[in-house]
Amino acid sequence: MDKKVQAGSGKTRWKRFGIVLVPVAAMTVGMFAGVANGAIPVDIAVSGGSFKVSAAELQANEFSQYGNFVKSPGGQKPVAVAAIGDAKITKLCQSVEVPGIGVVLRIEAGGEGSPATAKNMTLAMDALDGDAEFENIDIGVDASRMAKGTPESPWAKGPAAIGNGAPGMFGQQATKATFTNVKQSAWLVTATNFKLNGLHLKVGGKDKVCF
């Protein structure tokens, strides 16, 4: 993994990352232990398949990330949850393939100089590729102490409404994150507000898949 730290700038860049810095093995073991102890509520139900999301750029103000599970008809799925206070997404593409019949639903937005925007956005994903740059990042913090802030962690940086996880869980947080050339496999996206400027919806064959 190619890593470049810009001295004195408070910024860190990672190229071609997997699930944005979260060590997959450690995260998965930690999540299963948390669920066994009742620390992580497994109450988010999703459809039977993931969907693809790509973007030329995603700018995130107030960013945190932690491990969790979602429920699907096939059982519990370990995911990395990214929580974003405010997001701007350029050239967003989302596609989902209907199982068994090869029909793809594709949505595009945020092109032509007018990015899509979202507030209090969470993304539950199991794979992510792209380039990332973080400002004022903390890696390996207790996920339950991110975002809201406590006397023990007044430096919390993630979005207060959605940005923390279970006690003892691996977490990371940053005041700002910028992702470029994003390709993501996701199970769930939520937001209190999601504005899709320049929305285009298409239905077709497998050539409509985002990547």
N, C-alpha and C. Protein backbone atom coordinates (compact mmCIF):
# COMPACT_ATOMS: atom_id res chain seq x y z
N MET A 1 0.84 -1.19 0.00
CA MET A 1 0.00 0.00 0.00
C MET A 1 0.88 1.25 0.00
N ASP A 2 0.64 2.13 -0.92
CA ASP A 2 1.42 3.34 -1.05
C ASP A 2 0.86 4.39 -0.11
N LYS A 3 1.69 4.87 0.82
CA LYS A 3 1.21 5.85 1.79
C LYS A 3 2.12 7.06 1.76
N LYS A 4 1.52 8.24 1.77
CA LYS A 4 2.29 9.47 1.74
C LYS A 4 1.75 10.39 2.80
N VAL A 5 2.59 10.80 3.72
CA VAL A 5 2.18 11.73 4.77
C VAL A 5 2.78 13.09 4.47
N GLN A 6 1.94 14.11 4.42
CA GLN A 6 2.38 15.47 4.16
C GLN A 6 2.74 16.11 5.49
N ALA A 7 4.02 16.28 5.75
CA ALA A 7 4.48 16.75 7.05
C ALA A 7 3.94 18.13 7.35
N GLY A 8 3.40 18.25 8.59
CA GLY A 8 2.96 19.56 9.06
C GLY A 8 1.62 20.00 8.55
N SER A 9 1.00 19.24 7.67
CA SER A 9 -0.25 19.69 7.06
C SER A 9 -1.47 19.09 7.73
N GLY A 10 -1.26 18.03 8.54
CA GLY A 10 -2.40 17.36 9.15
C GLY A 10 -3.19 16.51 8.18
N LYS A 11 -2.62 16.20 7.02
CA LYS A 11 -3.31 15.42 6.00
C LYS A 11 -2.58 14.11 5.75
N THR A 12 -3.33 13.07 5.49
CA THR A 12 -2.76 11.76 5.16
C THR A 12 -3.44 11.24 3.92
N ARG A 13 -2.66 10.68 2.99
CA ARG A 13 -3.23 10.15 1.74
C ARG A 13 -2.97 8.66 1.67
N TRP A 14 -3.99 7.91 1.28
CA TRP A 14 -3.85 6.47 1.03
C TRP A 14 -4.32 6.18 -0.38
N LYS A 15 -3.56 5.37 -1.11
CA LYS A 15 -3.93 4.98 -2.48
C LYS A 15 -4.48 3.56 -2.48
N ARG A 16 -5.54 3.35 -3.25
CA ARG A 16 -6.12 2.02 -3.49
C ARG A 16 -6.40 1.30 -2.18
N PHE A 17 -7.24 1.88 -1.34
CA PHE A 17 -7.53 1.28 -0.05
C PHE A 17 -8.66 0.29 -0.18
N GLY A 18 -8.73 -0.63 0.82
CA GLY A 18 -9.78 -1.65 0.81
C GLY A 18 -11.04 -1.11 1.44
N ILE A 19 -11.20 -1.17 2.77
CA ILE A 19 -12.38 -0.62 3.43
C ILE A 19 -11.91 0.55 4.29
N VAL A 20 -11.37 1.55 3.66
CA VAL A 20 -10.90 2.80 4.28
C VAL A 20 -10.22 2.57 5.61
N LEU A 21 -9.09 1.92 5.59
CA LEU A 21 -8.18 1.81 6.72
C LEU A 21 -8.59 0.83 7.80
N VAL A 22 -9.83 0.33 7.80
CA VAL A 22 -10.23 -0.59 8.86
C VAL A 22 -9.62 -1.97 8.59
N PRO A 23 -8.76 -2.49 9.47
CA PRO A 23 -8.19 -3.82 9.25
C PRO A 23 -9.32 -4.86 9.22
N VAL A 24 -9.48 -5.53 8.08
CA VAL A 24 -10.67 -6.36 7.88
C VAL A 24 -10.74 -7.49 8.90
N ALA A 25 -9.64 -8.21 9.11
CA ALA A 25 -9.69 -9.34 10.04
C ALA A 25 -10.00 -8.88 11.45
N ALA A 26 -9.31 -7.86 11.92
CA ALA A 26 -9.53 -7.37 13.27
C ALA A 26 -10.94 -6.83 13.43
N MET A 27 -11.43 -6.13 12.41
CA MET A 27 -12.77 -5.56 12.48
C MET A 27 -13.82 -6.66 12.58
N THR A 28 -13.67 -7.71 11.75
CA THR A 28 -14.67 -8.77 11.74
C THR A 28 -14.68 -9.53 13.06
N VAL A 29 -13.51 -9.88 13.58
CA VAL A 29 -13.45 -10.56 14.87
C VAL A 29 -14.06 -9.71 15.96
N GLY A 30 -13.74 -8.42 15.96
CA GLY A 30 -14.28 -7.52 16.97
C GLY A 30 -15.79 -7.41 16.88
N MET A 31 -16.33 -7.39 15.68
CA MET A 31 -17.78 -7.26 15.52
C MET A 31 -18.49 -8.51 16.00
N PHE A 32 -17.97 -9.70 15.66
CA PHE A 32 -18.62 -10.92 16.11
C PHE A 32 -18.60 -11.00 17.64
N ALA A 33 -17.49 -10.58 18.26
CA ALA A 33 -17.42 -10.58 19.72
C ALA A 33 -18.43 -9.60 20.29
N GLY A 34 -18.57 -8.45 19.66
CA GLY A 34 -19.51 -7.44 20.13
C GLY A 34 -20.94 -7.92 20.04
N VAL A 35 -21.29 -8.59 18.94
CA VAL A 35 -22.65 -9.09 18.78
C VAL A 35 -22.92 -10.18 19.82
N ALA A 36 -21.95 -11.05 20.04
CA ALA A 36 -22.14 -12.12 21.02
C ALA A 36 -22.40 -11.55 22.41
N ASN A 37 -21.80 -10.41 22.72
CA ASN A 37 -21.99 -9.79 24.02
C ASN A 37 -23.17 -8.83 24.06
N GLY A 38 -23.90 -8.72 22.93
CA GLY A 38 -25.05 -7.83 22.90
C GLY A 38 -24.70 -6.37 22.75
N ALA A 39 -23.45 -6.05 22.39
CA ALA A 39 -23.03 -4.65 22.32
C ALA A 39 -23.49 -3.97 21.05
N ILE A 40 -23.70 -4.76 19.98
CA ILE A 40 -24.08 -4.18 18.70
C ILE A 40 -25.48 -4.66 18.33
N PRO A 41 -26.46 -3.79 18.26
CA PRO A 41 -27.80 -4.22 17.86
C PRO A 41 -27.84 -4.58 16.38
N VAL A 42 -28.23 -5.81 16.08
CA VAL A 42 -28.32 -6.25 14.69
C VAL A 42 -29.78 -6.11 14.26
N ASP A 43 -30.20 -4.88 14.00
CA ASP A 43 -31.62 -4.64 13.75
C ASP A 43 -31.87 -3.89 12.44
N ILE A 44 -30.84 -3.76 11.61
CA ILE A 44 -31.02 -3.11 10.32
C ILE A 44 -31.21 -4.19 9.27
N ALA A 45 -32.41 -4.25 8.69
CA ALA A 45 -32.71 -5.27 7.69
C ALA A 45 -32.50 -4.69 6.29
N VAL A 46 -31.83 -5.45 5.42
CA VAL A 46 -31.56 -5.00 4.06
C VAL A 46 -32.06 -6.05 3.08
N SER A 47 -32.04 -5.72 1.80
CA SER A 47 -32.46 -6.66 0.76
C SER A 47 -31.42 -7.77 0.62
N GLY A 48 -31.70 -8.70 -0.26
CA GLY A 48 -30.85 -9.88 -0.38
C GLY A 48 -29.57 -9.68 -1.16
N GLY A 49 -29.30 -8.48 -1.66
CA GLY A 49 -28.10 -8.26 -2.45
C GLY A 49 -27.54 -6.87 -2.26
N SER A 50 -26.25 -6.74 -2.50
CA SER A 50 -25.62 -5.43 -2.41
C SER A 50 -25.83 -4.68 -3.73
N PHE A 51 -25.45 -3.41 -3.75
CA PHE A 51 -25.54 -2.62 -4.96
C PHE A 51 -24.23 -1.86 -5.14
N LYS A 52 -24.02 -1.34 -6.33
CA LYS A 52 -22.77 -0.67 -6.65
C LYS A 52 -22.96 0.84 -6.68
N VAL A 53 -21.97 1.54 -6.13
CA VAL A 53 -21.98 3.01 -6.12
C VAL A 53 -20.60 3.48 -6.58
N SER A 54 -20.59 4.40 -7.52
CA SER A 54 -19.33 5.00 -7.95
C SER A 54 -19.48 6.52 -7.96
N ALA A 55 -18.36 7.22 -7.88
CA ALA A 55 -18.37 8.68 -7.91
C ALA A 55 -17.01 9.17 -8.33
N ALA A 56 -17.00 10.29 -9.03
CA ALA A 56 -15.72 10.91 -9.37
C ALA A 56 -15.07 11.49 -8.12
N GLU A 57 -15.91 12.05 -7.23
CA GLU A 57 -15.39 12.61 -5.98
C GLU A 57 -16.48 12.67 -4.92
N LEU A 58 -16.11 12.37 -3.69
CA LEU A 58 -17.00 12.54 -2.54
C LEU A 58 -16.26 13.35 -1.49
N GLN A 59 -16.78 14.52 -1.16
CA GLN A 59 -16.21 15.36 -0.12
C GLN A 59 -17.05 15.21 1.15
N ALA A 60 -16.40 14.86 2.25
CA ALA A 60 -17.10 14.60 3.50
C ALA A 60 -16.59 15.52 4.60
N ASN A 61 -17.48 16.30 5.18
CA ASN A 61 -17.17 17.07 6.37
C ASN A 61 -17.75 16.35 7.58
N GLU A 62 -16.94 16.20 8.62
CA GLU A 62 -17.28 15.39 9.80
C GLU A 62 -17.42 13.93 9.37
N PHE A 63 -16.35 13.18 9.57
CA PHE A 63 -16.28 11.80 9.08
C PHE A 63 -15.87 10.87 10.21
N SER A 64 -16.57 9.75 10.34
CA SER A 64 -16.12 8.68 11.24
C SER A 64 -16.47 7.34 10.62
N GLN A 65 -15.80 6.28 11.10
CA GLN A 65 -16.03 4.95 10.55
C GLN A 65 -15.82 3.90 11.62
N TYR A 66 -16.67 2.86 11.57
CA TYR A 66 -16.62 1.79 12.55
C TYR A 66 -17.26 0.55 11.96
N GLY A 67 -17.10 -0.59 12.61
CA GLY A 67 -17.65 -1.84 12.13
C GLY A 67 -19.04 -2.11 12.68
N ASN A 68 -19.85 -2.86 11.92
CA ASN A 68 -21.18 -3.23 12.37
C ASN A 68 -21.69 -4.39 11.52
N PHE A 69 -22.93 -4.77 11.72
CA PHE A 69 -23.61 -5.79 10.94
C PHE A 69 -24.91 -5.23 10.39
N VAL A 70 -25.36 -5.79 9.27
CA VAL A 70 -26.73 -5.58 8.80
C VAL A 70 -27.35 -6.97 8.61
N LYS A 71 -28.69 -7.03 8.68
CA LYS A 71 -29.40 -8.29 8.48
C LYS A 71 -29.85 -8.39 7.04
N SER A 72 -29.61 -9.55 6.41
CA SER A 72 -30.13 -9.82 5.08
C SER A 72 -30.82 -11.18 5.12
N PRO A 73 -31.59 -11.51 4.09
CA PRO A 73 -32.22 -12.83 4.06
C PRO A 73 -31.22 -13.98 4.16
N GLY A 74 -29.97 -13.72 3.76
CA GLY A 74 -28.94 -14.76 3.83
C GLY A 74 -28.20 -14.80 5.15
N GLY A 75 -28.56 -13.94 6.09
CA GLY A 75 -27.89 -13.91 7.38
C GLY A 75 -27.25 -12.57 7.65
N GLN A 76 -26.50 -12.50 8.73
CA GLN A 76 -25.84 -11.26 9.11
C GLN A 76 -24.64 -10.99 8.20
N LYS A 77 -24.50 -9.73 7.80
CA LYS A 77 -23.39 -9.33 6.94
C LYS A 77 -22.50 -8.33 7.69
N PRO A 78 -21.21 -8.63 7.85
CA PRO A 78 -20.31 -7.64 8.45
C PRO A 78 -20.06 -6.50 7.47
N VAL A 79 -20.13 -5.28 7.96
CA VAL A 79 -19.95 -4.11 7.11
C VAL A 79 -19.08 -3.09 7.82
N ALA A 80 -18.49 -2.22 7.04
CA ALA A 80 -17.84 -1.02 7.55
C ALA A 80 -18.83 0.12 7.35
N VAL A 81 -19.14 0.83 8.42
CA VAL A 81 -20.09 1.93 8.36
C VAL A 81 -19.31 3.24 8.33
N ALA A 82 -19.52 4.04 7.30
CA ALA A 82 -18.95 5.38 7.22
C ALA A 82 -20.06 6.37 7.54
N ALA A 83 -19.82 7.26 8.49
CA ALA A 83 -20.79 8.28 8.88
C ALA A 83 -20.26 9.65 8.45
N ILE A 84 -21.10 10.42 7.77
CA ILE A 84 -20.69 11.71 7.20
C ILE A 84 -21.71 12.77 7.57
N GLY A 85 -21.25 13.86 8.14
CA GLY A 85 -22.15 14.95 8.51
C GLY A 85 -22.71 15.67 7.30
N ASP A 86 -21.83 16.08 6.40
CA ASP A 86 -22.22 16.75 5.16
C ASP A 86 -21.40 16.17 4.02
N ALA A 87 -22.07 15.80 2.92
CA ALA A 87 -21.39 15.19 1.78
C ALA A 87 -21.73 15.93 0.50
N LYS A 88 -20.72 16.07 -0.36
CA LYS A 88 -20.91 16.54 -1.73
C LYS A 88 -20.36 15.47 -2.66
N ILE A 89 -21.20 15.01 -3.60
CA ILE A 89 -20.83 13.87 -4.44
C ILE A 89 -20.90 14.28 -5.91
N THR A 90 -19.78 14.17 -6.59
CA THR A 90 -19.69 14.54 -8.00
C THR A 90 -19.76 13.29 -8.88
N LYS A 91 -20.63 13.34 -9.88
CA LYS A 91 -20.82 12.23 -10.83
C LYS A 91 -21.14 10.93 -10.10
N LEU A 92 -22.21 10.97 -9.35
CA LEU A 92 -22.69 9.81 -8.62
C LEU A 92 -23.36 8.82 -9.57
N CYS A 93 -23.06 7.55 -9.40
CA CYS A 93 -23.74 6.47 -10.13
C CYS A 93 -24.09 5.38 -9.14
N GLN A 94 -25.34 4.91 -9.18
CA GLN A 94 -25.78 3.80 -8.34
C GLN A 94 -26.50 2.79 -9.22
N SER A 95 -26.13 1.52 -9.11
CA SER A 95 -26.80 0.50 -9.92
C SER A 95 -27.07 -0.73 -9.08
N VAL A 96 -28.23 -1.33 -9.34
CA VAL A 96 -28.59 -2.57 -8.66
C VAL A 96 -29.15 -3.53 -9.69
N GLU A 97 -28.69 -4.78 -9.63
CA GLU A 97 -29.14 -5.80 -10.57
C GLU A 97 -30.24 -6.63 -9.94
N VAL A 98 -31.37 -6.76 -10.62
CA VAL A 98 -32.47 -7.58 -10.13
C VAL A 98 -32.06 -9.04 -10.23
N PRO A 99 -32.04 -9.78 -9.12
CA PRO A 99 -31.55 -11.17 -9.15
C PRO A 99 -32.33 -12.06 -10.11
N GLY A 100 -31.58 -12.84 -10.87
CA GLY A 100 -32.19 -13.89 -11.68
C GLY A 100 -32.65 -13.50 -13.06
N ILE A 101 -32.84 -12.19 -13.34
CA ILE A 101 -33.37 -11.81 -14.66
C ILE A 101 -32.44 -10.86 -15.42
N GLY A 102 -31.31 -10.44 -14.80
CA GLY A 102 -30.34 -9.63 -15.51
C GLY A 102 -30.75 -8.21 -15.81
N VAL A 103 -31.79 -7.71 -15.15
CA VAL A 103 -32.23 -6.33 -15.34
C VAL A 103 -31.52 -5.45 -14.33
N VAL A 104 -31.01 -4.30 -14.80
CA VAL A 104 -30.26 -3.38 -13.95
C VAL A 104 -30.99 -2.04 -13.88
N LEU A 105 -31.15 -1.54 -12.67
CA LEU A 105 -31.65 -0.19 -12.44
C LEU A 105 -30.47 0.71 -12.14
N ARG A 106 -30.32 1.79 -12.90
CA ARG A 106 -29.17 2.69 -12.77
C ARG A 106 -29.65 4.11 -12.52
N ILE A 107 -29.07 4.76 -11.53
CA ILE A 107 -29.36 6.15 -11.21
C ILE A 107 -28.07 6.95 -11.30
N GLU A 108 -28.14 8.09 -11.97
CA GLU A 108 -27.01 9.01 -12.06
C GLU A 108 -27.44 10.38 -11.57
N ALA A 109 -26.51 11.11 -10.95
CA ALA A 109 -26.80 12.45 -10.46
C ALA A 109 -25.48 13.14 -10.16
N GLY A 110 -25.57 14.44 -9.92
CA GLY A 110 -24.39 15.19 -9.48
C GLY A 110 -23.39 15.52 -10.57
N GLY A 111 -23.81 15.50 -11.81
CA GLY A 111 -22.93 15.90 -12.90
C GLY A 111 -23.17 17.34 -13.31
N GLU A 112 -22.54 17.75 -14.39
CA GLU A 112 -22.75 19.06 -14.98
C GLU A 112 -22.51 20.19 -13.99
N GLY A 113 -21.50 20.02 -13.13
CA GLY A 113 -21.09 21.09 -12.22
C GLY A 113 -21.98 21.29 -11.02
N SER A 114 -22.93 20.41 -10.75
CA SER A 114 -23.84 20.56 -9.61
C SER A 114 -23.86 19.26 -8.82
N PRO A 115 -22.97 19.11 -7.82
CA PRO A 115 -22.87 17.84 -7.09
C PRO A 115 -24.16 17.48 -6.35
N ALA A 116 -24.37 16.19 -6.15
CA ALA A 116 -25.40 15.73 -5.23
C ALA A 116 -24.93 16.04 -3.81
N THR A 117 -25.89 16.26 -2.90
CA THR A 117 -25.53 16.59 -1.52
C THR A 117 -26.33 15.72 -0.56
N ALA A 118 -25.76 15.49 0.63
CA ALA A 118 -26.44 14.70 1.65
C ALA A 118 -26.04 15.20 3.03
N LYS A 119 -26.96 15.05 3.99
CA LYS A 119 -26.70 15.39 5.38
C LYS A 119 -26.94 14.16 6.25
N ASN A 120 -26.10 14.01 7.28
CA ASN A 120 -26.19 12.87 8.19
C ASN A 120 -26.32 11.57 7.40
N MET A 121 -25.31 11.29 6.62
CA MET A 121 -25.31 10.15 5.70
C MET A 121 -24.51 9.00 6.29
N THR A 122 -25.07 7.79 6.20
CA THR A 122 -24.32 6.59 6.57
C THR A 122 -24.25 5.66 5.38
N LEU A 123 -23.11 5.01 5.20
CA LEU A 123 -22.90 4.05 4.13
C LEU A 123 -22.40 2.76 4.75
N ALA A 124 -23.16 1.69 4.60
CA ALA A 124 -22.76 0.37 5.09
C ALA A 124 -22.23 -0.41 3.90
N MET A 125 -20.93 -0.71 3.91
CA MET A 125 -20.27 -1.28 2.74
C MET A 125 -19.42 -2.48 3.11
N ASP A 126 -19.14 -3.32 2.09
CA ASP A 126 -18.21 -4.42 2.32
C ASP A 126 -17.01 -4.36 1.38
N ALA A 127 -16.93 -3.36 0.52
CA ALA A 127 -15.75 -3.18 -0.34
C ALA A 127 -15.73 -1.74 -0.85
N LEU A 128 -14.53 -1.21 -0.98
CA LEU A 128 -14.37 0.17 -1.47
C LEU A 128 -12.98 0.31 -2.07
N ASP A 129 -12.92 0.89 -3.27
CA ASP A 129 -11.66 1.21 -3.92
C ASP A 129 -11.66 2.68 -4.32
N GLY A 130 -10.49 3.28 -4.33
CA GLY A 130 -10.35 4.66 -4.75
C GLY A 130 -9.13 5.29 -4.10
N ASP A 131 -9.08 6.61 -4.12
CA ASP A 131 -8.04 7.37 -3.45
C ASP A 131 -8.69 8.19 -2.34
N ALA A 132 -7.97 8.41 -1.25
CA ALA A 132 -8.55 9.13 -0.12
C ALA A 132 -7.54 10.09 0.49
N GLU A 133 -8.04 11.22 0.97
CA GLU A 133 -7.23 12.19 1.71
C GLU A 133 -8.02 12.61 2.94
N PHE A 134 -7.39 12.52 4.12
CA PHE A 134 -8.04 12.86 5.38
C PHE A 134 -7.33 14.05 6.03
N GLU A 135 -8.10 14.90 6.68
CA GLU A 135 -7.55 16.01 7.44
C GLU A 135 -7.84 15.80 8.93
N ASN A 136 -6.80 15.95 9.75
CA ASN A 136 -6.93 15.82 11.20
C ASN A 136 -7.56 14.47 11.57
N ILE A 137 -6.88 13.41 11.19
CA ILE A 137 -7.43 12.06 11.37
C ILE A 137 -6.90 11.39 12.63
N ASP A 138 -7.75 10.62 13.28
CA ASP A 138 -7.38 9.77 14.41
C ASP A 138 -7.78 8.35 14.03
N ILE A 139 -6.84 7.40 14.11
CA ILE A 139 -7.08 6.01 13.73
C ILE A 139 -6.90 5.13 14.95
N GLY A 140 -7.86 4.24 15.18
CA GLY A 140 -7.76 3.30 16.29
C GLY A 140 -8.41 3.78 17.58
N VAL A 141 -9.27 4.80 17.49
CA VAL A 141 -9.95 5.29 18.69
C VAL A 141 -11.14 4.40 19.03
N ASP A 142 -11.63 4.47 20.27
CA ASP A 142 -12.81 3.73 20.68
C ASP A 142 -14.01 4.28 19.92
N ALA A 143 -14.71 3.41 19.18
CA ALA A 143 -15.80 3.87 18.31
C ALA A 143 -16.92 4.56 19.08
N SER A 144 -17.13 4.18 20.34
CA SER A 144 -18.22 4.77 21.11
C SER A 144 -17.90 6.19 21.56
N ARG A 145 -16.64 6.60 21.47
CA ARG A 145 -16.25 7.94 21.92
C ARG A 145 -16.06 8.92 20.77
N MET A 146 -16.36 8.47 19.56
CA MET A 146 -16.29 9.38 18.43
C MET A 146 -17.56 10.22 18.38
N ALA A 147 -17.48 11.31 17.68
CA ALA A 147 -18.65 12.10 17.29
C ALA A 147 -19.26 12.95 18.40
N LYS A 148 -19.83 12.34 19.43
CA LYS A 148 -20.58 13.13 20.41
C LYS A 148 -19.68 13.87 21.39
N GLY A 149 -18.53 13.29 21.69
CA GLY A 149 -17.62 13.95 22.62
C GLY A 149 -17.99 13.67 24.07
N THR A 150 -16.99 13.42 24.88
CA THR A 150 -17.16 13.20 26.32
C THR A 150 -16.01 13.92 27.02
N PRO A 151 -16.07 14.04 28.34
CA PRO A 151 -14.92 14.64 29.04
C PRO A 151 -13.61 13.92 28.76
N GLU A 152 -13.72 12.58 28.48
CA GLU A 152 -12.51 11.81 28.19
C GLU A 152 -12.05 11.98 26.74
N SER A 153 -12.95 12.40 25.86
CA SER A 153 -12.58 12.56 24.44
C SER A 153 -13.23 13.82 23.86
N PRO A 154 -12.83 14.98 24.34
CA PRO A 154 -13.43 16.22 23.83
C PRO A 154 -13.04 16.53 22.40
N TRP A 155 -12.13 15.75 21.86
CA TRP A 155 -11.64 15.98 20.50
C TRP A 155 -12.48 15.27 19.45
N ALA A 156 -13.64 14.72 19.83
CA ALA A 156 -14.48 13.98 18.90
C ALA A 156 -14.78 14.79 17.64
N LYS A 157 -14.76 14.13 16.47
CA LYS A 157 -14.83 14.84 15.20
C LYS A 157 -15.95 14.39 14.27
N GLY A 158 -16.51 13.21 14.44
CA GLY A 158 -17.53 12.72 13.52
C GLY A 158 -18.86 13.42 13.71
N PRO A 159 -19.85 13.12 12.85
CA PRO A 159 -21.17 13.73 12.95
C PRO A 159 -21.88 13.29 14.22
N ALA A 160 -22.35 14.24 15.03
CA ALA A 160 -22.87 13.94 16.36
C ALA A 160 -24.08 13.01 16.33
N ALA A 161 -24.94 13.13 15.31
CA ALA A 161 -26.18 12.36 15.29
C ALA A 161 -25.99 10.89 14.96
N ILE A 162 -24.94 10.56 14.21
CA ILE A 162 -24.82 9.20 13.67
C ILE A 162 -23.42 8.62 13.74
N GLY A 163 -22.46 9.34 14.29
CA GLY A 163 -21.07 9.01 14.01
C GLY A 163 -20.32 8.14 14.98
N ASN A 164 -21.00 7.38 15.86
CA ASN A 164 -20.20 6.49 16.71
C ASN A 164 -20.79 5.09 16.75
N GLY A 165 -19.96 4.15 17.23
CA GLY A 165 -20.33 2.75 17.25
C GLY A 165 -20.32 2.17 18.64
N ALA A 166 -20.03 0.88 18.75
CA ALA A 166 -20.09 0.16 20.03
C ALA A 166 -18.83 0.39 20.86
N PRO A 167 -18.95 0.34 22.20
CA PRO A 167 -17.77 0.48 23.06
C PRO A 167 -16.71 -0.56 22.75
N GLY A 168 -15.47 -0.13 22.71
CA GLY A 168 -14.35 -1.03 22.45
C GLY A 168 -14.12 -1.35 21.00
N MET A 169 -15.02 -0.94 20.11
CA MET A 169 -14.87 -1.21 18.68
C MET A 169 -13.80 -0.29 18.08
N PHE A 170 -13.07 -0.81 17.09
CA PHE A 170 -12.09 -0.02 16.34
C PHE A 170 -12.82 1.11 15.60
N GLY A 171 -12.32 2.33 15.73
CA GLY A 171 -12.92 3.46 15.02
C GLY A 171 -11.87 4.42 14.50
N GLN A 172 -12.27 5.22 13.57
CA GLN A 172 -11.42 6.31 13.08
C GLN A 172 -12.31 7.50 12.78
N GLN A 173 -11.72 8.70 12.86
CA GLN A 173 -12.49 9.92 12.67
C GLN A 173 -11.59 11.00 12.08
N ALA A 174 -12.21 11.94 11.38
CA ALA A 174 -11.48 13.03 10.76
C ALA A 174 -12.41 14.23 10.61
N THR A 175 -11.83 15.41 10.59
CA THR A 175 -12.66 16.60 10.38
C THR A 175 -13.12 16.69 8.93
N LYS A 176 -12.31 16.15 8.00
CA LYS A 176 -12.67 16.19 6.59
C LYS A 176 -12.04 15.01 5.87
N ALA A 177 -12.77 14.46 4.90
CA ALA A 177 -12.24 13.38 4.07
C ALA A 177 -12.66 13.62 2.63
N THR A 178 -11.74 13.40 1.70
CA THR A 178 -12.04 13.53 0.28
C THR A 178 -11.67 12.23 -0.42
N PHE A 179 -12.65 11.63 -1.09
CA PHE A 179 -12.46 10.38 -1.81
C PHE A 179 -12.62 10.65 -3.30
N THR A 180 -11.72 10.11 -4.12
CA THR A 180 -11.80 10.28 -5.57
C THR A 180 -11.74 8.90 -6.24
N ASN A 181 -12.33 8.83 -7.44
CA ASN A 181 -12.39 7.59 -8.22
C ASN A 181 -12.97 6.45 -7.38
N VAL A 182 -14.11 6.72 -6.77
CA VAL A 182 -14.73 5.80 -5.82
C VAL A 182 -15.47 4.67 -6.53
N LYS A 183 -15.25 3.43 -6.07
CA LYS A 183 -16.01 2.26 -6.49
C LYS A 183 -16.34 1.47 -5.24
N GLN A 184 -17.63 1.32 -4.96
CA GLN A 184 -18.06 0.80 -3.67
C GLN A 184 -19.15 -0.25 -3.83
N SER A 185 -19.04 -1.32 -3.04
CA SER A 185 -20.11 -2.30 -2.91
C SER A 185 -20.82 -2.03 -1.59
N ALA A 186 -22.09 -1.66 -1.65
CA ALA A 186 -22.82 -1.21 -0.46
C ALA A 186 -24.06 -2.05 -0.22
N TRP A 187 -24.47 -2.09 1.05
CA TRP A 187 -25.70 -2.78 1.43
C TRP A 187 -26.79 -1.80 1.85
N LEU A 188 -26.38 -0.63 2.31
CA LEU A 188 -27.35 0.32 2.83
C LEU A 188 -26.78 1.73 2.80
N VAL A 189 -27.59 2.69 2.38
CA VAL A 189 -27.24 4.10 2.46
C VAL A 189 -28.43 4.82 3.10
N THR A 190 -28.17 5.63 4.12
CA THR A 190 -29.23 6.42 4.74
C THR A 190 -28.77 7.88 4.82
N ALA A 191 -29.72 8.79 4.89
CA ALA A 191 -29.42 10.22 5.04
C ALA A 191 -30.66 10.94 5.51
N THR A 192 -30.49 12.01 6.30
CA THR A 192 -31.64 12.81 6.70
C THR A 192 -32.09 13.70 5.55
N ASN A 193 -31.18 14.01 4.63
CA ASN A 193 -31.52 14.77 3.43
C ASN A 193 -30.58 14.34 2.32
N PHE A 194 -31.12 14.02 1.15
CA PHE A 194 -30.31 13.57 0.01
C PHE A 194 -30.83 14.27 -1.23
N LYS A 195 -30.05 15.20 -1.76
CA LYS A 195 -30.47 15.99 -2.92
C LYS A 195 -29.71 15.51 -4.15
N LEU A 196 -30.45 14.98 -5.12
CA LEU A 196 -29.85 14.43 -6.34
C LEU A 196 -30.06 15.42 -7.48
N ASN A 197 -29.10 16.30 -7.65
CA ASN A 197 -29.16 17.27 -8.74
C ASN A 197 -28.90 16.59 -10.07
N GLY A 198 -29.70 16.92 -11.09
CA GLY A 198 -29.52 16.32 -12.41
C GLY A 198 -29.78 14.83 -12.43
N LEU A 199 -30.84 14.39 -11.78
CA LEU A 199 -31.14 12.97 -11.65
C LEU A 199 -31.50 12.34 -13.00
N HIS A 200 -30.90 11.17 -13.28
CA HIS A 200 -31.24 10.38 -14.46
C HIS A 200 -31.44 8.93 -14.01
N LEU A 201 -32.54 8.32 -14.39
CA LEU A 201 -32.83 6.93 -14.05
C LEU A 201 -32.96 6.13 -15.35
N LYS A 202 -32.27 4.97 -15.38
CA LYS A 202 -32.31 4.13 -16.57
C LYS A 202 -32.51 2.67 -16.14
N VAL A 203 -33.24 1.91 -16.95
CA VAL A 203 -33.42 0.48 -16.74
C VAL A 203 -32.93 -0.22 -17.99
N GLY A 204 -32.10 -1.24 -17.82
CA GLY A 204 -31.57 -1.94 -18.99
C GLY A 204 -30.87 -3.22 -18.61
N GLY A 205 -29.94 -3.65 -19.46
CA GLY A 205 -29.19 -4.87 -19.23
C GLY A 205 -27.96 -4.61 -18.40
N LYS A 206 -27.07 -5.61 -18.42
CA LYS A 206 -25.89 -5.54 -17.56
C LYS A 206 -24.91 -4.44 -17.97
N ASP A 207 -25.07 -3.86 -19.17
CA ASP A 207 -24.22 -2.76 -19.58
C ASP A 207 -24.52 -1.49 -18.78
N LYS A 208 -25.60 -1.48 -17.99
CA LYS A 208 -25.96 -0.32 -17.17
C LYS A 208 -25.30 -0.34 -15.80
N VAL A 209 -24.59 -1.42 -15.48
CA VAL A 209 -23.90 -1.49 -14.18
C VAL A 209 -22.85 -0.37 -14.10
N CYS A 210 -22.71 0.26 -12.95
CA CYS A 210 -21.82 1.42 -12.81
C CYS A 210 -20.36 1.07 -13.05
N PHE A 211 -19.94 -0.12 -12.63
CA PHE A 211 -18.56 -0.56 -12.89
C PHE A 211 -18.50 -2.07 -12.81
